[in-house]
Amino acid sequence: MEGDERSKLFEMLTDNPRTGDSSIYWNFEKFLIDKDGYIVDRFRSFTKPESEDLKSLIEKLLSDS
């Protein structure tokens, strides 16, 4: 939800130094958050969950832990 009633999570995901300041434009946008709760990256809805970019970033985060 946008506007005055938007949730803190929505605000955190859509307005931060890592992923920028922009709204969620469409369903299925993905946010990758590390084990410590930090936003790592944002993938727009056209990025498929099985995309190499997303998979390789997840694998890197898993290997770093």
PDB file of N, CA and C in Angstrom:
ATOM      1  N   MET A   1       0.848  -1.172   0.000  1.00  0.00           N
ATOM      2  CA  MET A   1       0.000   0.000   0.000  1.00  0.00           C
ATOM      3  C   MET A   1       0.894   1.235   0.000  1.00  0.00           C
ATOM      4  N   GLU A   2       0.506   2.210  -0.745  1.00  0.00           N
ATOM      5  CA  GLU A   2       1.270   3.448  -0.798  1.00  0.00           C
ATOM      6  C   GLU A   2       0.563   4.541  -0.013  1.00  0.00           C
ATOM      7  N   GLY A   3       1.176   5.677   0.063  1.00  0.00           N
ATOM      8  CA  GLY A   3       0.575   6.801   0.762  1.00  0.00           C
ATOM      9  C   GLY A   3       0.889   6.789   2.243  1.00  0.00           C
ATOM     10  N   ASP A   4       0.067   7.487   3.008  1.00  0.00           N
ATOM     11  CA  ASP A   4       0.295   7.624   4.442  1.00  0.00           C
ATOM     12  C   ASP A   4       0.168   6.313   5.201  1.00  0.00           C
ATOM     13  N   GLU A   5      -0.559   5.348   4.640  1.00  0.00           N
ATOM     14  CA  GLU A   5      -0.809   4.099   5.347  1.00  0.00           C
ATOM     15  C   GLU A   5       0.133   2.970   4.933  1.00  0.00           C
ATOM     16  N   ARG A   6       1.165   3.274   4.183  1.00  0.00           N
ATOM     17  CA  ARG A   6       2.049   2.197   3.730  1.00  0.00           C
ATOM     18  C   ARG A   6       2.824   1.611   4.905  1.00  0.00           C
ATOM     19  N   SER A   7       3.112   0.336   4.774  1.00  0.00           N
ATOM     20  CA  SER A   7       3.775  -0.375   5.861  1.00  0.00           C
ATOM     21  C   SER A   7       5.253  -0.010   5.928  1.00  0.00           C
ATOM     22  N   LYS A   8       5.858  -0.256   7.075  1.00  0.00           N
ATOM     23  CA  LYS A   8       7.286   0.008   7.264  1.00  0.00           C
ATOM     24  C   LYS A   8       8.122  -0.870   6.326  1.00  0.00           C
ATOM     25  N   LEU A   9       7.689  -2.107   6.099  1.00  0.00           N
ATOM     26  CA  LEU A   9       8.411  -2.990   5.194  1.00  0.00           C
ATOM     27  C   LEU A   9       8.392  -2.435   3.779  1.00  0.00           C
ATOM     28  N   PHE A  10       7.240  -2.015   3.312  1.00  0.00           N
ATOM     29  CA  PHE A  10       7.127  -1.421   1.979  1.00  0.00           C
ATOM     30  C   PHE A  10       8.047  -0.212   1.875  1.00  0.00           C
ATOM     31  N   GLU A  11       8.031   0.626   2.884  1.00  0.00           N
ATOM     32  CA  GLU A  11       8.863   1.821   2.898  1.00  0.00           C
ATOM     33  C   GLU A  11      10.344   1.452   2.851  1.00  0.00           C
ATOM     34  N   MET A  12      10.742   0.457   3.639  1.00  0.00           N
ATOM     35  CA  MET A  12      12.131   0.035   3.679  1.00  0.00           C
ATOM     36  C   MET A  12      12.581  -0.522   2.318  1.00  0.00           C
ATOM     37  N   LEU A  13      11.739  -1.307   1.673  1.00  0.00           N
ATOM     38  CA  LEU A  13      12.104  -1.935   0.407  1.00  0.00           C
ATOM     39  C   LEU A  13      12.144  -0.955  -0.758  1.00  0.00           C
ATOM     40  N   THR A  14      11.329   0.063  -0.707  1.00  0.00           N
ATOM     41  CA  THR A  14      11.218   0.966  -1.855  1.00  0.00           C
ATOM     42  C   THR A  14      11.935   2.297  -1.678  1.00  0.00           C
ATOM     43  N   ASP A  15      12.577   2.509  -0.546  1.00  0.00           N
ATOM     44  CA  ASP A  15      13.296   3.765  -0.335  1.00  0.00           C
ATOM     45  C   ASP A  15      14.524   3.502   0.523  1.00  0.00           C
ATOM     46  N   ASN A  16      15.620   3.136  -0.133  1.00  0.00           N
ATOM     47  CA  ASN A  16      16.861   2.849   0.570  1.00  0.00           C
ATOM     48  C   ASN A  16      18.043   3.088  -0.366  1.00  0.00           C
ATOM     49  N   PRO A  17      19.226   3.251   0.182  1.00  0.00           N
ATOM     50  CA  PRO A  17      20.394   3.544  -0.661  1.00  0.00           C
ATOM     51  C   PRO A  17      20.759   2.414  -1.626  1.00  0.00           C
ATOM     52  N   ARG A  18      20.458   1.200  -1.282  1.00  0.00           N
ATOM     53  CA  ARG A  18      20.868   0.065  -2.115  1.00  0.00           C
ATOM     54  C   ARG A  18      20.005  -0.099  -3.363  1.00  0.00           C
ATOM     55  N   THR A  19      18.684  -0.021  -3.209  1.00  0.00           N
ATOM     56  CA  THR A  19      17.796  -0.272  -4.351  1.00  0.00           C
ATOM     57  C   THR A  19      17.108   0.985  -4.863  1.00  0.00           C
ATOM     58  N   GLY A  20      17.394   2.106  -4.248  1.00  0.00           N
ATOM     59  CA  GLY A  20      16.844   3.357  -4.741  1.00  0.00           C
ATOM     60  C   GLY A  20      15.525   3.759  -4.115  1.00  0.00           C
ATOM     61  N   ASP A  21      14.936   4.762  -4.712  1.00  0.00           N
ATOM     62  CA  ASP A  21      13.676   5.327  -4.226  1.00  0.00           C
ATOM     63  C   ASP A  21      12.654   5.255  -5.351  1.00  0.00           C
ATOM     64  N   SER A  22      11.979   4.120  -5.437  1.00  0.00           N
ATOM     65  CA  SER A  22      10.935   3.978  -6.449  1.00  0.00           C
ATOM     66  C   SER A  22       9.931   2.940  -5.992  1.00  0.00           C
ATOM     67  N   SER A  23       8.740   3.116  -6.432  1.00  0.00           N
ATOM     68  CA  SER A  23       7.638   2.263  -6.027  1.00  0.00           C
ATOM     69  C   SER A  23       7.725   0.894  -6.696  1.00  0.00           C
ATOM     70  N   ILE A  24       6.927  -0.025  -6.210  1.00  0.00           N
ATOM     71  CA  ILE A  24       6.780  -1.333  -6.845  1.00  0.00           C
ATOM     72  C   ILE A  24       5.772  -1.143  -7.970  1.00  0.00           C
ATOM     73  N   TYR A  25       6.195  -1.429  -9.189  1.00  0.00           N
ATOM     74  CA  TYR A  25       5.350  -1.144 -10.347  1.00  0.00           C
ATOM     75  C   TYR A  25       4.394  -2.268 -10.707  1.00  0.00           C
ATOM     76  N   TRP A  26       4.744  -3.482 -10.383  1.00  0.00           N
ATOM     77  CA  TRP A  26       3.925  -4.610 -10.797  1.00  0.00           C
ATOM     78  C   TRP A  26       4.163  -5.778  -9.853  1.00  0.00           C
ATOM     79  N   ASN A  27       3.247  -6.733  -9.872  1.00  0.00           N
ATOM     80  CA  ASN A  27       3.398  -7.936  -9.049  1.00  0.00           C
ATOM     81  C   ASN A  27       4.701  -8.661  -9.368  1.00  0.00           C
ATOM     82  N   PHE A  28       5.120  -9.468  -8.471  1.00  0.00           N
ATOM     83  CA  PHE A  28       6.260 -10.371  -8.632  1.00  0.00           C
ATOM     84  C   PHE A  28       7.613  -9.671  -8.635  1.00  0.00           C
ATOM     85  N   GLU A  29       7.679  -8.474  -8.100  1.00  0.00           N
ATOM     86  CA  GLU A  29       8.986  -7.871  -7.880  1.00  0.00           C
ATOM     87  C   GLU A  29       9.644  -8.621  -6.746  1.00  0.00           C
ATOM     88  N   LYS A  30      10.959  -8.783  -6.826  1.00  0.00           N
ATOM     89  CA  LYS A  30      11.671  -9.578  -5.845  1.00  0.00           C
ATOM     90  C   LYS A  30      12.735  -8.733  -5.161  1.00  0.00           C
ATOM     91  N   PHE A  31      12.871  -8.923  -3.862  1.00  0.00           N
ATOM     92  CA  PHE A  31      13.901  -8.256  -3.080  1.00  0.00           C
ATOM     93  C   PHE A  31      14.720  -9.334  -2.405  1.00  0.00           C
ATOM     94  N   LEU A  32      16.026  -9.244  -2.537  1.00  0.00           N
ATOM     95  CA  LEU A  32      16.908 -10.214  -1.902  1.00  0.00           C
ATOM     96  C   LEU A  32      17.465  -9.564  -0.638  1.00  0.00           C
ATOM     97  N   ILE A  33      17.243 -10.231   0.485  1.00  0.00           N
ATOM     98  CA  ILE A  33      17.654  -9.728   1.789  1.00  0.00           C
ATOM     99  C   ILE A  33      18.592 -10.755   2.399  1.00  0.00           C
ATOM    100  N   ASP A  34      19.726 -10.303   2.938  1.00  0.00           N
ATOM    101  CA  ASP A  34      20.702 -11.252   3.475  1.00  0.00           C
ATOM    102  C   ASP A  34      20.292 -11.745   4.860  1.00  0.00           C
ATOM    103  N   LYS A  35      21.099 -12.635   5.411  1.00  0.00           N
ATOM    104  CA  LYS A  35      20.772 -13.271   6.695  1.00  0.00           C
ATOM    105  C   LYS A  35      20.725 -12.274   7.849  1.00  0.00           C
ATOM    106  N   ASP A  36      21.346 -11.111   7.669  1.00  0.00           N
ATOM    107  CA  ASP A  36      21.336 -10.089   8.708  1.00  0.00           C
ATOM    108  C   ASP A  36      20.224  -9.054   8.526  1.00  0.00           C
ATOM    109  N   GLY A  37      19.406  -9.247   7.491  1.00  0.00           N
ATOM    110  CA  GLY A  37      18.278  -8.355   7.267  1.00  0.00           C
ATOM    111  C   GLY A  37      18.568  -7.161   6.385  1.00  0.00           C
ATOM    112  N   TYR A  38      19.739  -7.151   5.740  1.00  0.00           N
ATOM    113  CA  TYR A  38      20.085  -6.045   4.852  1.00  0.00           C
ATOM    114  C   TYR A  38      19.626  -6.331   3.427  1.00  0.00           C
ATOM    115  N   ILE A  39      19.139  -5.314   2.771  1.00  0.00           N
ATOM    116  CA  ILE A  39      18.702  -5.451   1.385  1.00  0.00           C
ATOM    117  C   ILE A  39      19.930  -5.567   0.505  1.00  0.00           C
ATOM    118  N   VAL A  40      19.983  -6.633  -0.285  1.00  0.00           N
ATOM    119  CA  VAL A  40      21.117  -6.877  -1.164  1.00  0.00           C
ATOM    120  C   VAL A  40      20.835  -6.358  -2.568  1.00  0.00           C
ATOM    121  N   ASP A  41      19.646  -6.658  -3.073  1.00  0.00           N
ATOM    122  CA  ASP A  41      19.319  -6.234  -4.429  1.00  0.00           C
ATOM    123  C   ASP A  41      17.815  -6.314  -4.648  1.00  0.00           C
ATOM    124  N   ARG A  42      17.411  -5.728  -5.745  1.00  0.00           N
ATOM    125  CA  ARG A  42      16.005  -5.682  -6.132  1.00  0.00           C
ATOM    126  C   ARG A  42      15.909  -6.157  -7.569  1.00  0.00           C
ATOM    127  N   PHE A  43      14.944  -7.011  -7.837  1.00  0.00           N
ATOM    128  CA  PHE A  43      14.740  -7.537  -9.176  1.00  0.00           C
ATOM    129  C   PHE A  43      13.309  -7.218  -9.593  1.00  0.00           C
ATOM    130  N   ARG A  44      13.174  -6.542 -10.700  1.00  0.00           N
ATOM    131  CA  ARG A  44      11.850  -6.160 -11.195  1.00  0.00           C
ATOM    132  C   ARG A  44      11.070  -7.393 -11.634  1.00  0.00           C
ATOM    133  N   SER A  45       9.784  -7.210 -11.874  1.00  0.00           N
ATOM    134  CA  SER A  45       8.882  -8.335 -12.162  1.00  0.00           C
ATOM    135  C   SER A  45       9.262  -9.105 -13.416  1.00  0.00           C
ATOM    136  N   PHE A  46       9.961  -8.475 -14.362  1.00  0.00           N
ATOM    137  CA  PHE A  46      10.335  -9.198 -15.585  1.00  0.00           C
ATOM    138  C   PHE A  46      11.475 -10.180 -15.347  1.00  0.00           C
ATOM    139  N   THR A  47      12.147 -10.105 -14.187  1.00  0.00           N
ATOM    140  CA  THR A  47      13.198 -11.064 -13.854  1.00  0.00           C
ATOM    141  C   THR A  47      12.550 -12.341 -13.334  1.00  0.00           C
ATOM    142  N   LYS A  48      12.841 -13.439 -13.986  1.00  0.00           N
ATOM    143  CA  LYS A  48      12.267 -14.719 -13.563  1.00  0.00           C
ATOM    144  C   LYS A  48      13.013 -15.241 -12.337  1.00  0.00           C
ATOM    145  N   PRO A  49      12.319 -15.935 -11.441  1.00  0.00           N
ATOM    146  CA  PRO A  49      12.971 -16.470 -10.242  1.00  0.00           C
ATOM    147  C   PRO A  49      14.149 -17.394 -10.566  1.00  0.00           C
ATOM    148  N   GLU A  50      14.111 -18.038 -11.707  1.00  0.00           N
ATOM    149  CA  GLU A  50      15.189 -18.958 -12.074  1.00  0.00           C
ATOM    150  C   GLU A  50      16.276 -18.282 -12.918  1.00  0.00           C
ATOM    151  N   SER A  51      16.260 -16.962 -13.010  1.00  0.00           N
ATOM    152  CA  SER A  51      17.264 -16.247 -13.802  1.00  0.00           C
ATOM    153  C   SER A  51      18.662 -16.475 -13.225  1.00  0.00           C
ATOM    154  N   GLU A  52      19.645 -16.454 -14.103  1.00  0.00           N
ATOM    155  CA  GLU A  52      21.029 -16.673 -13.677  1.00  0.00           C
ATOM    156  C   GLU A  52      21.508 -15.571 -12.732  1.00  0.00           C
ATOM    157  N   ASP A  53      21.113 -14.325 -12.973  1.00  0.00           N
ATOM    158  CA  ASP A  53      21.522 -13.222 -12.098  1.00  0.00           C
ATOM    159  C   ASP A  53      21.054 -13.454 -10.665  1.00  0.00           C
ATOM    160  N   LEU A  54      19.810 -13.802 -10.526  1.00  0.00           N
ATOM    161  CA  LEU A  54      19.242 -14.016  -9.196  1.00  0.00           C
ATOM    162  C   LEU A  54      19.837 -15.259  -8.537  1.00  0.00           C
ATOM    163  N   LYS A  55      19.914 -16.354  -9.285  1.00  0.00           N
ATOM    164  CA  LYS A  55      20.473 -17.593  -8.731  1.00  0.00           C
ATOM    165  C   LYS A  55      21.923 -17.427  -8.304  1.00  0.00           C
ATOM    166  N   SER A  56      22.715 -16.773  -9.127  1.00  0.00           N
ATOM    167  CA  SER A  56      24.132 -16.633  -8.784  1.00  0.00           C
ATOM    168  C   SER A  56      24.326 -15.740  -7.555  1.00  0.00           C
ATOM    169  N   LEU A  57      23.504 -14.729  -7.409  1.00  0.00           N
ATOM    170  CA  LEU A  57      23.600 -13.871  -6.229  1.00  0.00           C
ATOM    171  C   LEU A  57      23.197 -14.633  -4.964  1.00  0.00           C
ATOM    172  N   ILE A  58      22.167 -15.439  -5.055  1.00  0.00           N
ATOM    173  CA  ILE A  58      21.750 -16.263  -3.913  1.00  0.00           C
ATOM    174  C   ILE A  58      22.858 -17.239  -3.553  1.00  0.00           C
ATOM    175  N   GLU A  59      23.441 -17.896  -4.549  1.00  0.00           N
ATOM    176  CA  GLU A  59      24.516 -18.848  -4.304  1.00  0.00           C
ATOM    177  C   GLU A  59      25.723 -18.156  -3.652  1.00  0.00           C
ATOM    178  N   LYS A  60      26.040 -16.954  -4.106  1.00  0.00           N
ATOM    179  CA  LYS A  60      27.159 -16.210  -3.514  1.00  0.00           C
ATOM    180  C   LYS A  60      26.871 -15.899  -2.049  1.00  0.00           C
ATOM    181  N   LEU A  61      25.654 -15.443  -1.767  1.00  0.00           N
ATOM    182  CA  LEU A  61      25.318 -15.138  -0.364  1.00  0.00           C
ATOM    183  C   LEU A  61      25.371 -16.380   0.503  1.00  0.00           C
ATOM    184  N   LEU A  62      24.938 -17.507  -0.018  1.00  0.00           N
ATOM    185  CA  LEU A  62      24.981 -18.750   0.742  1.00  0.00           C
ATOM    186  C   LEU A  62      26.419 -19.215   0.997  1.00  0.00           C
ATOM    187  N   SER A  63      27.270 -19.029   0.022  1.00  0.00           N
ATOM    188  CA  SER A  63      28.664 -19.459   0.200  1.00  0.00           C
ATOM    189  C   SER A  63      29.447 -18.538   1.125  1.00  0.00           C
ATOM    190  N   ASP A  64      29.009 -17.276   1.233  1.00  0.00           N
ATOM    191  CA  ASP A  64      29.681 -16.330   2.127  1.00  0.00           C
ATOM    192  C   ASP A  64      29.310 -16.535   3.585  1.00  0.00           C
ATOM    193  N   SER A  65      28.269 -17.315   3.854  1.00  0.00           N
ATOM    194  CA  SER A  65      27.843 -17.469   5.249  1.00  0.00           C
ATOM    195  C   SER A  65      28.560 -18.573   5.969  1.00  0.00           C
TER     196      SER A  65
END
